[in-house]
């Protein structure tokens, strides 16, 4: 019988306090170029307009310097206490500027007017695209960690965090390696956040060898009805959400329960 597996993959050892906020902003760590953008010093006020980038910042332990996030950011739950500043496609640029960021991170280009306002105020905009393979994941982590912690300290932090992630993935891969590719889903928060195909957690689930039933959805949005109709073999979630799922009759007929 396939069981409900209780494990939050995307937490990846998330820390609650930054390991890099005490970096001294002098050579050789800074200044540095990331995707053509000059980062002069270790930023203390960072805005992320990408849920994926926000996930990575938390997993790196640099979240104490995050002062604003995208409207799509809902994981980890603590992001709900941060100012939500619209999306990369339609940022609330006036509110963003009021937060006095030292750098803005995004996975796509911002609208022309938003870019002009930030450029006028000499606020760097760093575009860091998502990962489609492991090499891309390494680059993703290295770029974000370098912005947050500097050239050398950032590489160390990125390497250590990726090692932790790989250990998690290998643990899951061993469990499913002898089976037909199972359908799975990561519930980050029941009724509000599922690891869709455009998220880091969704990528890691696929890399672990599973078929992510939320692969074609975006921005953590995947309804309970869609989850039930796709009938996953495995559900990865917190113990609290696992108990809710087990006690909810609407989930009773899916394979994972």
C-alpha atoms as a PDB file:
ATOM      1  CA  UNK A   1       0.000   0.000   0.000  1.00  0.00           C
ATOM      2  CA  UNK A   2       1.336   3.415  -0.914  1.00  0.00           C
ATOM      3  CA  UNK A   3       1.377   5.631   2.160  1.00  0.00           C
ATOM      4  CA  UNK A   4       1.147   9.310   2.893  1.00  0.00           C
ATOM      5  CA  UNK A   5       4.708  10.495   3.240  1.00  0.00           C
ATOM      6  CA  UNK A   6       5.192  13.363   5.653  1.00  0.00           C
ATOM      7  CA  UNK A   7       8.146  15.418   4.495  1.00  0.00           C
ATOM      8  CA  UNK A   8       8.527  19.044   3.461  1.00  0.00           C
ATOM      9  CA  UNK A   9      11.157  18.822   0.738  1.00  0.00           C
ATOM     10  CA  UNK A  10      11.425  22.489  -0.048  1.00  0.00           C
ATOM     11  CA  UNK A  11      12.304  23.539   3.474  1.00  0.00           C
ATOM     12  CA  UNK A  12      15.809  22.252   2.739  1.00  0.00           C
ATOM     13  CA  UNK A  13      17.074  23.097   6.186  1.00  0.00           C
ATOM     14  CA  UNK A  14      15.785  26.646   6.090  1.00  0.00           C
ATOM     15  CA  UNK A  15      17.380  28.809   8.734  1.00  0.00           C
ATOM     16  CA  UNK A  16      15.603  31.542  10.637  1.00  0.00           C
ATOM     17  CA  UNK A  17      18.633  33.766  10.986  1.00  0.00           C
ATOM     18  CA  UNK A  18      21.031  34.859   8.288  1.00  0.00           C
ATOM     19  CA  UNK A  19      24.474  33.324   8.179  1.00  0.00           C
ATOM     20  CA  UNK A  20      25.746  36.106   5.954  1.00  0.00           C
ATOM     21  CA  UNK A  21      24.444  39.452   7.215  1.00  0.00           C
ATOM     22  CA  UNK A  22      27.707  40.151   9.043  1.00  0.00           C
ATOM     23  CA  UNK A  23      29.747  39.965   5.822  1.00  0.00           C
ATOM     24  CA  UNK A  24      32.093  42.950   5.586  1.00  0.00           C
ATOM     25  CA  UNK A  25      31.451  44.731   2.292  1.00  0.00           C
ATOM     26  CA  UNK A  26      35.065  45.054   1.165  1.00  0.00           C
ATOM     27  CA  UNK A  27      37.216  43.270  -1.421  1.00  0.00           C
ATOM     28  CA  UNK A  28      37.425  40.465  -2.305  1.00  0.00           C
ATOM     29  CA  UNK A  29      33.708  39.695  -1.748  1.00  0.00           C
ATOM     30  CA  UNK A  30      32.457  43.032  -3.099  1.00  0.00           C
ATOM     31  CA  UNK A  31      31.990  44.647  -5.526  1.00  0.00           C
ATOM     32  CA  UNK A  32      30.914  41.939  -7.943  1.00  0.00           C
ATOM     33  CA  UNK A  33      28.996  41.564 -11.191  1.00  0.00           C
ATOM     34  CA  UNK A  34      25.883  39.361 -11.326  1.00  0.00           C
ATOM     35  CA  UNK A  35      24.354  39.019 -14.781  1.00  0.00           C
ATOM     36  CA  UNK A  36      25.900  42.325 -15.780  1.00  0.00           C
ATOM     37  CA  UNK A  37      24.735  44.226 -12.690  1.00  0.00           C
ATOM     38  CA  UNK A  38      27.259  45.733 -10.292  1.00  0.00           C
ATOM     39  CA  UNK A  39      26.658  44.955  -6.599  1.00  0.00           C
ATOM     40  CA  UNK A  40      28.854  47.367  -4.674  1.00  0.00           C
ATOM     41  CA  UNK A  41      28.400  46.081  -1.124  1.00  0.00           C
ATOM     42  CA  UNK A  42      26.624  43.475   0.981  1.00  0.00           C
ATOM     43  CA  UNK A  43      22.938  44.507   0.789  1.00  0.00           C
ATOM     44  CA  UNK A  44      21.024  44.887   4.027  1.00  0.00           C
ATOM     45  CA  UNK A  45      17.635  45.631   2.418  1.00  0.00           C
ATOM     46  CA  UNK A  46      16.572  43.272  -0.375  1.00  0.00           C
ATOM     47  CA  UNK A  47      13.309  42.932  -2.289  1.00  0.00           C
ATOM     48  CA  UNK A  48      12.397  39.759  -4.172  1.00  0.00           C
ATOM     49  CA  UNK A  49       9.702  39.892  -6.849  1.00  0.00           C
ATOM     50  CA  UNK A  50       9.981  36.160  -7.531  1.00  0.00           C
ATOM     51  CA  UNK A  51       8.570  33.406  -5.268  1.00  0.00           C
ATOM     52  CA  UNK A  52      11.370  31.128  -6.466  1.00  0.00           C
ATOM     53  CA  UNK A  53      14.076  33.613  -5.476  1.00  0.00           C
ATOM     54  CA  UNK A  54      12.374  34.156  -2.132  1.00  0.00           C
ATOM     55  CA  UNK A  55      12.482  30.386  -1.493  1.00  0.00           C
ATOM     56  CA  UNK A  56      16.191  30.314  -2.232  1.00  0.00           C
ATOM     57  CA  UNK A  57      16.937  33.305   0.004  1.00  0.00           C
ATOM     58  CA  UNK A  58      15.241  31.510   2.894  1.00  0.00           C
ATOM     59  CA  UNK A  59      17.061  28.252   2.238  1.00  0.00           C
ATOM     60  CA  UNK A  60      20.359  30.168   2.242  1.00  0.00           C
ATOM     61  CA  UNK A  61      19.519  31.700   5.611  1.00  0.00           C
ATOM     62  CA  UNK A  62      19.651  35.281   4.327  1.00  0.00           C
ATOM     63  CA  UNK A  63      15.984  36.067   4.911  1.00  0.00           C
ATOM     64  CA  UNK A  64      16.590  38.569   7.722  1.00  0.00           C
ATOM     65  CA  UNK A  65      17.518  41.114   5.039  1.00  0.00           C
ATOM     66  CA  UNK A  66      14.402  40.526   2.953  1.00  0.00           C
ATOM     67  CA  UNK A  67      12.124  43.583   3.283  1.00  0.00           C
ATOM     68  CA  UNK A  68       9.508  42.904   0.591  1.00  0.00           C
ATOM     69  CA  UNK A  69       8.216  40.118  -1.653  1.00  0.00           C
ATOM     70  CA  UNK A  70       5.932  39.382  -4.603  1.00  0.00           C
ATOM     71  CA  UNK A  71       2.179  39.036  -4.189  1.00  0.00           C
ATOM     72  CA  UNK A  72       2.676  35.405  -5.253  1.00  0.00           C
ATOM     73  CA  UNK A  73       4.977  34.653  -2.326  1.00  0.00           C
ATOM     74  CA  UNK A  74       3.256  32.635   0.386  1.00  0.00           C
ATOM     75  CA  UNK A  75       5.949  30.198   1.403  1.00  0.00           C
ATOM     76  CA  UNK A  76       7.490  29.956   3.895  1.00  0.00           C
ATOM     77  CA  UNK A  77       4.541  31.214   5.934  1.00  0.00           C
ATOM     78  CA  UNK A  78       6.653  33.976   7.478  1.00  0.00           C
ATOM     79  CA  UNK A  79       6.609  35.747   4.096  1.00  0.00           C
ATOM     80  CA  UNK A  80       3.007  36.665   4.847  1.00  0.00           C
ATOM     81  CA  UNK A  81       4.299  39.158   7.410  1.00  0.00           C
ATOM     82  CA  UNK A  82       6.421  40.977   4.809  1.00  0.00           C
ATOM     83  CA  UNK A  83       5.113  43.759   2.540  1.00  0.00           C
ATOM     84  CA  UNK A  84       3.682  42.319  -0.689  1.00  0.00           C
ATOM     85  CA  UNK A  85       4.605  44.577  -3.579  1.00  0.00           C
ATOM     86  CA  UNK A  86       2.670  43.326  -6.591  1.00  0.00           C
ATOM     87  CA  UNK A  87       4.376  41.146  -9.176  1.00  0.00           C
ATOM     88  CA  UNK A  88       7.334  41.448 -11.511  1.00  0.00           C
ATOM     89  CA  UNK A  89       4.875  42.099 -14.344  1.00  0.00           C
ATOM     90  CA  UNK A  90       3.041  44.759 -12.341  1.00  0.00           C
ATOM     91  CA  UNK A  91       5.048  45.901  -9.296  1.00  0.00           C
ATOM     92  CA  UNK A  92       3.759  48.458  -6.816  1.00  0.00           C
ATOM     93  CA  UNK A  93       6.769  50.562  -7.589  1.00  0.00           C
ATOM     94  CA  UNK A  94       5.960  53.499  -5.298  1.00  0.00           C
ATOM     95  CA  UNK A  95       5.574  51.268  -2.247  1.00  0.00           C
ATOM     96  CA  UNK A  96       8.692  49.374  -3.282  1.00  0.00           C
ATOM     97  CA  UNK A  97      10.747  52.573  -3.414  1.00  0.00           C
ATOM     98  CA  UNK A  98       9.464  53.635   0.024  1.00  0.00           C
ATOM     99  CA  UNK A  99      11.113  50.540   1.492  1.00  0.00           C
ATOM    100  CA  UNK A 100      14.503  51.909   0.383  1.00  0.00           C
ATOM    101  CA  UNK A 101      15.910  48.648  -1.042  1.00  0.00           C
ATOM    102  CA  UNK A 102      19.574  48.287  -1.893  1.00  0.00           C
ATOM    103  CA  UNK A 103      18.815  45.674  -4.563  1.00  0.00           C
ATOM    104  CA  UNK A 104      15.740  44.236  -6.281  1.00  0.00           C
ATOM    105  CA  UNK A 105      15.795  40.592  -7.401  1.00  0.00           C
ATOM    106  CA  UNK A 106      13.445  39.275 -10.077  1.00  0.00           C
ATOM    107  CA  UNK A 107      13.230  36.322 -12.469  1.00  0.00           C
ATOM    108  CA  UNK A 108      11.952  38.423 -15.406  1.00  0.00           C
ATOM    109  CA  UNK A 109      12.389  41.982 -16.619  1.00  0.00           C
ATOM    110  CA  UNK A 110      10.329  44.651 -14.901  1.00  0.00           C
ATOM    111  CA  UNK A 111       8.098  47.036 -16.876  1.00  0.00           C
ATOM    112  CA  UNK A 112       9.893  49.959 -18.491  1.00  0.00           C
ATOM    113  CA  UNK A 113       8.504  52.624 -16.156  1.00  0.00           C
ATOM    114  CA  UNK A 114       9.424  50.616 -13.038  1.00  0.00           C
ATOM    115  CA  UNK A 115      12.928  50.004 -14.379  1.00  0.00           C
ATOM    116  CA  UNK A 116      13.394  53.707 -15.113  1.00  0.00           C
ATOM    117  CA  UNK A 117      12.293  54.760 -11.617  1.00  0.00           C
ATOM    118  CA  UNK A 118      14.658  52.285  -9.944  1.00  0.00           C
ATOM    119  CA  UNK A 119      17.535  53.163 -12.269  1.00  0.00           C
ATOM    120  CA  UNK A 120      17.030  56.870 -11.542  1.00  0.00           C
ATOM    121  CA  UNK A 121      17.452  56.102  -7.836  1.00  0.00           C
ATOM    122  CA  UNK A 122      20.469  53.879  -8.533  1.00  0.00           C
ATOM    123  CA  UNK A 123      18.724  50.774  -7.144  1.00  0.00           C
ATOM    124  CA  UNK A 124      20.198  47.717  -8.906  1.00  0.00           C
ATOM    125  CA  UNK A 125      17.795  45.252 -10.548  1.00  0.00           C
ATOM    126  CA  UNK A 126      19.222  41.734 -10.833  1.00  0.00           C
ATOM    127  CA  UNK A 127      17.406  39.280 -13.108  1.00  0.00           C
ATOM    128  CA  UNK A 128      17.999  35.662 -12.078  1.00  0.00           C
ATOM    129  CA  UNK A 129      16.065  33.090 -14.083  1.00  0.00           C
ATOM    130  CA  UNK A 130      14.776  29.757 -12.799  1.00  0.00           C
ATOM    131  CA  UNK A 131      16.540  26.417 -13.011  1.00  0.00           C
ATOM    132  CA  UNK A 132      15.618  23.800 -15.605  1.00  0.00           C
ATOM    133  CA  UNK A 133      18.350  21.296 -14.710  1.00  0.00           C
ATOM    134  CA  UNK A 134      20.941  20.706 -12.024  1.00  0.00           C
ATOM    135  CA  UNK A 135      23.515  22.981 -13.648  1.00  0.00           C
ATOM    136  CA  UNK A 136      20.877  25.693 -13.693  1.00  0.00           C
ATOM    137  CA  UNK A 137      20.141  25.048 -10.025  1.00  0.00           C
ATOM    138  CA  UNK A 138      23.824  25.498  -9.181  1.00  0.00           C
ATOM    139  CA  UNK A 139      23.910  28.782 -11.089  1.00  0.00           C
ATOM    140  CA  UNK A 140      20.688  29.935  -9.458  1.00  0.00           C
ATOM    141  CA  UNK A 141      22.017  29.328  -5.953  1.00  0.00           C
ATOM    142  CA  UNK A 142      25.437  30.764  -6.710  1.00  0.00           C
ATOM    143  CA  UNK A 143      24.016  33.987  -8.165  1.00  0.00           C
ATOM    144  CA  UNK A 144      21.579  34.615  -5.325  1.00  0.00           C
ATOM    145  CA  UNK A 145      24.095  33.676  -2.629  1.00  0.00           C
ATOM    146  CA  UNK A 146      26.697  35.928  -4.245  1.00  0.00           C
ATOM    147  CA  UNK A 147      24.328  38.906  -4.173  1.00  0.00           C
ATOM    148  CA  UNK A 148      23.471  38.236  -0.545  1.00  0.00           C
ATOM    149  CA  UNK A 149      26.891  37.218   0.807  1.00  0.00           C
ATOM    150  CA  UNK A 150      29.589  38.144  -1.701  1.00  0.00           C
ATOM    151  CA  UNK A 151      31.731  36.300  -4.210  1.00  0.00           C
ATOM    152  CA  UNK A 152      33.536  33.878  -1.900  1.00  0.00           C
ATOM    153  CA  UNK A 153      31.267  33.644   1.135  1.00  0.00           C
ATOM    154  CA  UNK A 154      28.331  33.299  -1.252  1.00  0.00           C
ATOM    155  CA  UNK A 155      29.907  30.362  -3.069  1.00  0.00           C
ATOM    156  CA  UNK A 156      30.544  28.586   0.219  1.00  0.00           C
ATOM    157  CA  UNK A 157      26.958  29.141   1.355  1.00  0.00           C
ATOM    158  CA  UNK A 158      25.557  28.017  -2.007  1.00  0.00           C
ATOM    159  CA  UNK A 159      27.714  24.866  -2.072  1.00  0.00           C
ATOM    160  CA  UNK A 160      26.775  23.887   1.476  1.00  0.00           C
ATOM    161  CA  UNK A 161      23.061  24.473   0.911  1.00  0.00           C
ATOM    162  CA  UNK A 162      23.043  22.503  -2.347  1.00  0.00           C
ATOM    163  CA  UNK A 163      24.788  19.605  -0.635  1.00  0.00           C
ATOM    164  CA  UNK A 164      22.021  19.549   1.961  1.00  0.00           C
ATOM    165  CA  UNK A 165      19.387  19.633  -0.795  1.00  0.00           C
ATOM    166  CA  UNK A 166      21.072  16.789  -2.685  1.00  0.00           C
ATOM    167  CA  UNK A 167      21.148  14.658   0.444  1.00  0.00           C
ATOM    168  CA  UNK A 168      17.395  15.189   0.812  1.00  0.00           C
ATOM    169  CA  UNK A 169      16.770  14.325  -2.833  1.00  0.00           C
ATOM    170  CA  UNK A 170      18.906  11.197  -2.654  1.00  0.00           C
ATOM    171  CA  UNK A 171      16.962   9.984   0.381  1.00  0.00           C
ATOM    172  CA  UNK A 172      13.709  10.218  -1.552  1.00  0.00           C
ATOM    173  CA  UNK A 173      15.187   8.833  -4.785  1.00  0.00           C
ATOM    174  CA  UNK A 174      16.382   5.687  -3.011  1.00  0.00           C
ATOM    175  CA  UNK A 175      12.841   5.055  -1.756  1.00  0.00           C
ATOM    176  CA  UNK A 176      11.238   5.278  -5.205  1.00  0.00           C
ATOM    177  CA  UNK A 177      14.043   4.010  -7.454  1.00  0.00           C
ATOM    178  CA  UNK A 178      12.612   0.509  -7.740  1.00  0.00           C
ATOM    179  CA  UNK A 179       9.097   1.657  -8.534  1.00  0.00           C
ATOM    180  CA  UNK A 180       7.351   2.892 -11.633  1.00  0.00           C
ATOM    181  CA  UNK A 181       7.692   6.691 -11.742  1.00  0.00           C
ATOM    182  CA  UNK A 182       5.153   7.743  -9.101  1.00  0.00           C
ATOM    183  CA  UNK A 183       2.816  10.712  -9.211  1.00  0.00           C
ATOM    184  CA  UNK A 184       3.511  13.048  -6.323  1.00  0.00           C
ATOM    185  CA  UNK A 185       2.799  16.472  -4.922  1.00  0.00           C
ATOM    186  CA  UNK A 186       4.364  18.714  -2.290  1.00  0.00           C
ATOM    187  CA  UNK A 187       1.846  20.596  -0.186  1.00  0.00           C
ATOM    188  CA  UNK A 188       3.650  23.514   1.401  1.00  0.00           C
ATOM    189  CA  UNK A 189       0.521  24.750   3.137  1.00  0.00           C
ATOM    190  CA  UNK A 190      -2.846  23.034   2.756  1.00  0.00           C
ATOM    191  CA  UNK A 191      -5.394  25.166   0.865  1.00  0.00           C
ATOM    192  CA  UNK A 192      -2.862  27.871   0.049  1.00  0.00           C
ATOM    193  CA  UNK A 193       0.460  26.669  -1.411  1.00  0.00           C
ATOM    194  CA  UNK A 194       1.483  23.685  -3.557  1.00  0.00           C
ATOM    195  CA  UNK A 195       4.868  23.209  -5.253  1.00  0.00           C
ATOM    196  CA  UNK A 196       3.991  23.994  -8.859  1.00  0.00           C
ATOM    197  CA  UNK A 197       6.279  23.464 -11.823  1.00  0.00           C
ATOM    198  CA  UNK A 198       7.734  26.971 -11.689  1.00  0.00           C
ATOM    199  CA  UNK A 199       8.909  26.687  -8.079  1.00  0.00           C
ATOM    200  CA  UNK A 200      12.155  25.398  -6.631  1.00  0.00           C
ATOM    201  CA  UNK A 201      10.344  22.721  -4.629  1.00  0.00           C
ATOM    202  CA  UNK A 202       8.548  21.563  -7.776  1.00  0.00           C
ATOM    203  CA  UNK A 203      11.843  21.282  -9.615  1.00  0.00           C
ATOM    204  CA  UNK A 204      13.381  19.286  -6.790  1.00  0.00           C
ATOM    205  CA  UNK A 205      10.435  16.899  -6.726  1.00  0.00           C
ATOM    206  CA  UNK A 206      10.906  16.169 -10.424  1.00  0.00           C
ATOM    207  CA  UNK A 207      14.648  15.784  -9.942  1.00  0.00           C
ATOM    208  CA  UNK A 208      13.964  13.227  -7.218  1.00  0.00           C
ATOM    209  CA  UNK A 209      12.332  11.030  -9.875  1.00  0.00           C
ATOM    210  CA  UNK A 210       8.643  11.721  -9.362  1.00  0.00           C
ATOM    211  CA  UNK A 211       5.979  13.066 -11.687  1.00  0.00           C
ATOM    212  CA  UNK A 212       4.812  16.351 -10.187  1.00  0.00           C
ATOM    213  CA  UNK A 213       1.037  16.480 -10.667  1.00  0.00           C
ATOM    214  CA  UNK A 214       1.207  20.280 -10.318  1.00  0.00           C
ATOM    215  CA  UNK A 215       3.914  20.623 -12.981  1.00  0.00           C
ATOM    216  CA  UNK A 216       1.780  22.700 -15.363  1.00  0.00           C
ATOM    217  CA  UNK A 217       0.395  25.016 -12.682  1.00  0.00           C
ATOM    218  CA  UNK A 218       2.089  28.238 -11.577  1.00  0.00           C
ATOM    219  CA  UNK A 219       2.830  30.394  -8.561  1.00  0.00           C
ATOM    220  CA  UNK A 220       1.934  27.758  -5.921  1.00  0.00           C
ATOM    221  CA  UNK A 221      -1.706  27.741  -7.102  1.00  0.00           C
ATOM    222  CA  UNK A 222      -3.181  24.246  -7.342  1.00  0.00           C
ATOM    223  CA  UNK A 223      -6.627  23.538  -5.950  1.00  0.00           C
ATOM    224  CA  UNK A 224      -7.592  20.650  -3.705  1.00  0.00           C
ATOM    225  CA  UNK A 225     -10.031  19.471  -6.391  1.00  0.00           C
ATOM    226  CA  UNK A 226      -7.215  19.333  -8.956  1.00  0.00           C
ATOM    227  CA  UNK A 227      -5.051  17.467  -6.459  1.00  0.00           C
ATOM    228  CA  UNK A 228      -7.764  14.888  -5.838  1.00  0.00           C
ATOM    229  CA  UNK A 229      -8.567  14.421  -9.539  1.00  0.00           C
ATOM    230  CA  UNK A 230      -4.877  13.803 -10.332  1.00  0.00           C
ATOM    231  CA  UNK A 231      -4.775  11.067  -7.670  1.00  0.00           C
ATOM    232  CA  UNK A 232      -1.133  11.257  -6.473  1.00  0.00           C
ATOM    233  CA  UNK A 233       0.689   8.198  -5.172  1.00  0.00           C
ATOM    234  CA  UNK A 234       2.686  10.306  -2.710  1.00  0.00           C
ATOM    235  CA  UNK A 235       1.942  13.494  -0.821  1.00  0.00           C
ATOM    236  CA  UNK A 236       4.810  15.317   0.854  1.00  0.00           C
ATOM    237  CA  UNK A 237       3.628  17.706   3.550  1.00  0.00           C
ATOM    238  CA  UNK A 238       3.896  18.686   7.185  1.00  0.00           C
ATOM    239  CA  UNK A 239       2.578  16.408   9.921  1.00  0.00           C
ATOM    240  CA  UNK A 240      -0.133  18.954  10.704  1.00  0.00           C
ATOM    241  CA  UNK A 241      -1.413  18.992   7.123  1.00  0.00           C
ATOM    242  CA  UNK A 242      -1.112  15.196   6.945  1.00  0.00           C
ATOM    243  CA  UNK A 243      -3.548  14.828   9.827  1.00  0.00           C
ATOM    244  CA  UNK A 244      -5.994  17.223   8.152  1.00  0.00           C
ATOM    245  CA  UNK A 245      -5.806  15.272   4.903  1.00  0.00           C
ATOM    246  CA  UNK A 246      -6.340  11.940   6.623  1.00  0.00           C
ATOM    247  CA  UNK A 247      -9.421  13.249   8.410  1.00  0.00           C
ATOM    248  CA  UNK A 248     -10.945  14.895   5.314  1.00  0.00           C
ATOM    249  CA  UNK A 249     -13.307  12.487   3.545  1.00  0.00           C
ATOM    250  CA  UNK A 250     -12.766  14.249   0.205  1.00  0.00           C
ATOM    251  CA  UNK A 251      -9.170  12.957   0.162  1.00  0.00           C
ATOM    252  CA  UNK A 252     -10.050   9.414   1.211  1.00  0.00           C
ATOM    253  CA  UNK A 253     -10.082   7.824  -2.237  1.00  0.00           C
ATOM    254  CA  UNK A 254      -6.704   9.004  -3.525  1.00  0.00           C
ATOM    255  CA  UNK A 255      -3.832   6.529  -3.613  1.00  0.00           C
ATOM    256  CA  UNK A 256      -1.575   8.439  -1.244  1.00  0.00           C
ATOM    257  CA  UNK A 257      -3.958   8.331   1.709  1.00  0.00           C
END
